């Protein structure tokens, strides 16, 4: 009877021993803090078109139009995803599981122009350039 109980216990121990292992059986590094990186991305055309609250900032202060990268992280405690500009430091946040208010702008953000407007503007500029002689 003792041998019959030993086999399932051994099987369970073997299965659980594989937890938290990466490729090649190497253990994952320990978690270092609350935020986990998702990635770094180029800002799209609409990033600089967010309607931001007016603040009294120095004229030299970076704006969302100056951002060269968007850093995206997830709060591993709440599930909130944050995207932040690398120069402006401006962040937006999205958490589909809660409607809690935080300091960041919540999705969906307010825009001064939509992607459709930008595409229409680019097409109009291209048409104008084709009509001008000598180009």
C-alpha atoms as a PDB file:
ATOM      1  CA  UNK A   1       0.000   0.000   0.000  1.00  0.00           C
ATOM      2  CA  UNK A   2       2.858   2.389   0.826  1.00  0.00           C
ATOM      3  CA  UNK A   3       4.388   1.768  -2.581  1.00  0.00           C
ATOM      4  CA  UNK A   4       1.110   2.750  -4.334  1.00  0.00           C
ATOM      5  CA  UNK A   5       1.055   6.150  -2.581  1.00  0.00           C
ATOM      6  CA  UNK A   6       4.751   6.712  -3.298  1.00  0.00           C
ATOM      7  CA  UNK A   7       4.336   6.674  -7.115  1.00  0.00           C
ATOM      8  CA  UNK A   8       1.762   9.542  -7.324  1.00  0.00           C
ATOM      9  CA  UNK A   9       3.778  11.563  -4.800  1.00  0.00           C
ATOM     10  CA  UNK A  10       6.954  11.062  -6.847  1.00  0.00           C
ATOM     11  CA  UNK A  11       5.121  12.013 -10.049  1.00  0.00           C
ATOM     12  CA  UNK A  12       3.748  15.192  -8.436  1.00  0.00           C
ATOM     13  CA  UNK A  13       7.199  16.137  -7.133  1.00  0.00           C
ATOM     14  CA  UNK A  14       8.718  15.696 -10.605  1.00  0.00           C
ATOM     15  CA  UNK A  15       6.028  17.831 -12.233  1.00  0.00           C
ATOM     16  CA  UNK A  16       6.330  20.596  -9.664  1.00  0.00           C
ATOM     17  CA  UNK A  17      10.125  20.597  -9.860  1.00  0.00           C
ATOM     18  CA  UNK A  18       9.798  21.897 -13.433  1.00  0.00           C
ATOM     19  CA  UNK A  19       7.963  25.038 -12.325  1.00  0.00           C
ATOM     20  CA  UNK A  20       9.794  28.346 -12.693  1.00  0.00           C
ATOM     21  CA  UNK A  21      12.265  26.902 -15.145  1.00  0.00           C
ATOM     22  CA  UNK A  22      13.221  28.595 -18.375  1.00  0.00           C
ATOM     23  CA  UNK A  23      14.625  27.045 -21.535  1.00  0.00           C
ATOM     24  CA  UNK A  24      17.270  24.454 -20.843  1.00  0.00           C
ATOM     25  CA  UNK A  25      16.062  23.912 -17.263  1.00  0.00           C
ATOM     26  CA  UNK A  26      17.616  27.160 -16.002  1.00  0.00           C
ATOM     27  CA  UNK A  27      15.711  28.911 -13.225  1.00  0.00           C
ATOM     28  CA  UNK A  28      14.221  32.328 -13.980  1.00  0.00           C
ATOM     29  CA  UNK A  29      15.910  35.261 -12.255  1.00  0.00           C
ATOM     30  CA  UNK A  30      14.184  36.563  -9.135  1.00  0.00           C
ATOM     31  CA  UNK A  31      11.704  39.376  -9.527  1.00  0.00           C
ATOM     32  CA  UNK A  32      13.253  42.761  -8.734  1.00  0.00           C
ATOM     33  CA  UNK A  33      10.350  45.024  -7.915  1.00  0.00           C
ATOM     34  CA  UNK A  34       6.761  45.667  -8.723  1.00  0.00           C
ATOM     35  CA  UNK A  35       7.040  46.604 -12.422  1.00  0.00           C
ATOM     36  CA  UNK A  36       7.928  44.241 -15.245  1.00  0.00           C
ATOM     37  CA  UNK A  37       9.089  45.519 -18.613  1.00  0.00           C
ATOM     38  CA  UNK A  38       6.958  44.799 -21.664  1.00  0.00           C
ATOM     39  CA  UNK A  39       9.076  46.656 -24.190  1.00  0.00           C
ATOM     40  CA  UNK A  40      10.388  49.867 -25.687  1.00  0.00           C
ATOM     41  CA  UNK A  41       8.644  51.163 -28.799  1.00  0.00           C
ATOM     42  CA  UNK A  42       8.788  54.085 -31.219  1.00  0.00           C
ATOM     43  CA  UNK A  43       6.056  56.635 -30.597  1.00  0.00           C
ATOM     44  CA  UNK A  44       3.463  56.693 -33.338  1.00  0.00           C
ATOM     45  CA  UNK A  45       2.161  59.872 -34.932  1.00  0.00           C
ATOM     46  CA  UNK A  46      -0.686  60.058 -32.435  1.00  0.00           C
ATOM     47  CA  UNK A  47       1.550  60.033 -29.330  1.00  0.00           C
ATOM     48  CA  UNK A  48       2.386  63.710 -29.825  1.00  0.00           C
ATOM     49  CA  UNK A  49      -1.275  64.479 -30.593  1.00  0.00           C
ATOM     50  CA  UNK A  50      -2.555  63.659 -27.098  1.00  0.00           C
ATOM     51  CA  UNK A  51      -4.491  66.517 -25.554  1.00  0.00           C
ATOM     52  CA  UNK A  52      -2.535  66.982 -22.333  1.00  0.00           C
ATOM     53  CA  UNK A  53      -3.550  69.033 -19.333  1.00  0.00           C
ATOM     54  CA  UNK A  54      -1.958  72.477 -19.364  1.00  0.00           C
ATOM     55  CA  UNK A  55       0.885  72.761 -16.877  1.00  0.00           C
ATOM     56  CA  UNK A  56       3.260  75.595 -16.107  1.00  0.00           C
ATOM     57  CA  UNK A  57       6.459  74.007 -17.429  1.00  0.00           C
ATOM     58  CA  UNK A  58       9.686  75.653 -18.443  1.00  0.00           C
ATOM     59  CA  UNK A  59       9.943  76.350 -22.186  1.00  0.00           C
ATOM     60  CA  UNK A  60      12.906  73.951 -22.306  1.00  0.00           C
ATOM     61  CA  UNK A  61      10.862  71.076 -20.857  1.00  0.00           C
ATOM     62  CA  UNK A  62      10.378  68.114 -23.188  1.00  0.00           C
ATOM     63  CA  UNK A  63       6.902  67.434 -24.541  1.00  0.00           C
ATOM     64  CA  UNK A  64       5.358  64.266 -25.984  1.00  0.00           C
ATOM     65  CA  UNK A  65       6.442  65.487 -29.446  1.00  0.00           C
ATOM     66  CA  UNK A  66      10.058  65.194 -28.227  1.00  0.00           C
ATOM     67  CA  UNK A  67       9.747  61.564 -27.104  1.00  0.00           C
ATOM     68  CA  UNK A  68      11.891  59.173 -29.120  1.00  0.00           C
ATOM     69  CA  UNK A  69      10.805  56.010 -27.297  1.00  0.00           C
ATOM     70  CA  UNK A  70       7.773  54.793 -25.389  1.00  0.00           C
ATOM     71  CA  UNK A  71       8.590  52.564 -22.421  1.00  0.00           C
ATOM     72  CA  UNK A  72       5.830  50.080 -21.580  1.00  0.00           C
ATOM     73  CA  UNK A  73       5.631  48.293 -18.218  1.00  0.00           C
ATOM     74  CA  UNK A  74       3.046  46.287 -16.308  1.00  0.00           C
ATOM     75  CA  UNK A  75       2.351  46.698 -12.608  1.00  0.00           C
ATOM     76  CA  UNK A  76       2.550  43.080 -11.474  1.00  0.00           C
ATOM     77  CA  UNK A  77       0.425  43.805  -8.390  1.00  0.00           C
ATOM     78  CA  UNK A  78      -2.554  45.422 -10.144  1.00  0.00           C
ATOM     79  CA  UNK A  79      -2.218  44.439 -13.817  1.00  0.00           C
ATOM     80  CA  UNK A  80      -2.129  48.086 -14.884  1.00  0.00           C
ATOM     81  CA  UNK A  81      -0.174  48.700 -18.101  1.00  0.00           C
ATOM     82  CA  UNK A  82       1.690  52.019 -18.353  1.00  0.00           C
ATOM     83  CA  UNK A  83       3.241  53.653 -21.402  1.00  0.00           C
ATOM     84  CA  UNK A  84       5.638  56.493 -20.703  1.00  0.00           C
ATOM     85  CA  UNK A  85       7.570  58.842 -22.972  1.00  0.00           C
ATOM     86  CA  UNK A  86      11.331  58.709 -22.558  1.00  0.00           C
ATOM     87  CA  UNK A  87      11.940  62.485 -22.606  1.00  0.00           C
ATOM     88  CA  UNK A  88       8.620  63.981 -21.502  1.00  0.00           C
ATOM     89  CA  UNK A  89       8.038  61.447 -18.742  1.00  0.00           C
ATOM     90  CA  UNK A  90       4.335  61.634 -19.575  1.00  0.00           C
ATOM     91  CA  UNK A  91       2.484  58.368 -18.902  1.00  0.00           C
ATOM     92  CA  UNK A  92      -0.833  56.886 -19.867  1.00  0.00           C
ATOM     93  CA  UNK A  93      -2.278  53.896 -18.052  1.00  0.00           C
ATOM     94  CA  UNK A  94      -4.789  51.190 -18.801  1.00  0.00           C
ATOM     95  CA  UNK A  95      -6.227  48.578 -16.494  1.00  0.00           C
ATOM     96  CA  UNK A  96      -9.109  46.585 -17.943  1.00  0.00           C
ATOM     97  CA  UNK A  97      -9.913  45.073 -14.539  1.00  0.00           C
ATOM     98  CA  UNK A  98     -10.557  48.271 -12.606  1.00  0.00           C
ATOM     99  CA  UNK A  99     -11.706  51.845 -13.035  1.00  0.00           C
ATOM    100  CA  UNK A 100      -9.471  53.180 -10.251  1.00  0.00           C
ATOM    101  CA  UNK A 101      -8.157  56.686 -10.847  1.00  0.00           C
ATOM    102  CA  UNK A 102      -4.420  57.304 -10.728  1.00  0.00           C
ATOM    103  CA  UNK A 103      -2.092  60.187 -11.574  1.00  0.00           C
ATOM    104  CA  UNK A 104      -1.651  58.991 -15.164  1.00  0.00           C
ATOM    105  CA  UNK A 105      -4.086  59.704 -17.967  1.00  0.00           C
ATOM    106  CA  UNK A 106      -6.434  56.787 -18.431  1.00  0.00           C
ATOM    107  CA  UNK A 107      -7.161  55.117 -21.749  1.00  0.00           C
ATOM    108  CA  UNK A 108      -8.749  56.078 -24.001  1.00  0.00           C
ATOM    109  CA  UNK A 109      -6.723  59.271 -24.204  1.00  0.00           C
ATOM    110  CA  UNK A 110      -8.058  62.485 -25.719  1.00  0.00           C
ATOM    111  CA  UNK A 111      -6.402  63.403 -29.039  1.00  0.00           C
ATOM    112  CA  UNK A 112      -6.087  66.691 -30.900  1.00  0.00           C
ATOM    113  CA  UNK A 113      -6.157  64.756 -34.219  1.00  0.00           C
ATOM    114  CA  UNK A 114      -7.006  61.167 -35.120  1.00  0.00           C
ATOM    115  CA  UNK A 115      -5.075  58.782 -37.380  1.00  0.00           C
ATOM    116  CA  UNK A 116      -7.711  59.280 -40.065  1.00  0.00           C
ATOM    117  CA  UNK A 117      -7.129  63.055 -39.965  1.00  0.00           C
ATOM    118  CA  UNK A 118      -3.356  62.594 -40.272  1.00  0.00           C
ATOM    119  CA  UNK A 119      -3.759  60.247 -43.259  1.00  0.00           C
ATOM    120  CA  UNK A 120      -6.075  62.735 -44.975  1.00  0.00           C
ATOM    121  CA  UNK A 121      -3.593  65.563 -44.320  1.00  0.00           C
ATOM    122  CA  UNK A 122      -0.679  63.511 -45.697  1.00  0.00           C
ATOM    123  CA  UNK A 123      -2.656  62.661 -48.845  1.00  0.00           C
ATOM    124  CA  UNK A 124      -3.582  66.316 -49.369  1.00  0.00           C
ATOM    125  CA  UNK A 125       0.087  67.334 -48.994  1.00  0.00           C
ATOM    126  CA  UNK A 126       1.173  64.636 -51.460  1.00  0.00           C
ATOM    127  CA  UNK A 127      -1.477  65.727 -53.989  1.00  0.00           C
ATOM    128  CA  UNK A 128      -0.378  69.355 -53.651  1.00  0.00           C
ATOM    129  CA  UNK A 129       3.266  68.388 -54.188  1.00  0.00           C
ATOM    130  CA  UNK A 130       2.366  66.429 -57.369  1.00  0.00           C
ATOM    131  CA  UNK A 131       0.444  69.424 -58.778  1.00  0.00           C
ATOM    132  CA  UNK A 132       3.316  71.888 -58.358  1.00  0.00           C
ATOM    133  CA  UNK A 133       5.474  72.180 -61.504  1.00  0.00           C
ATOM    134  CA  UNK A 134       9.187  71.536 -61.261  1.00  0.00           C
ATOM    135  CA  UNK A 135       8.966  68.830 -58.629  1.00  0.00           C
END
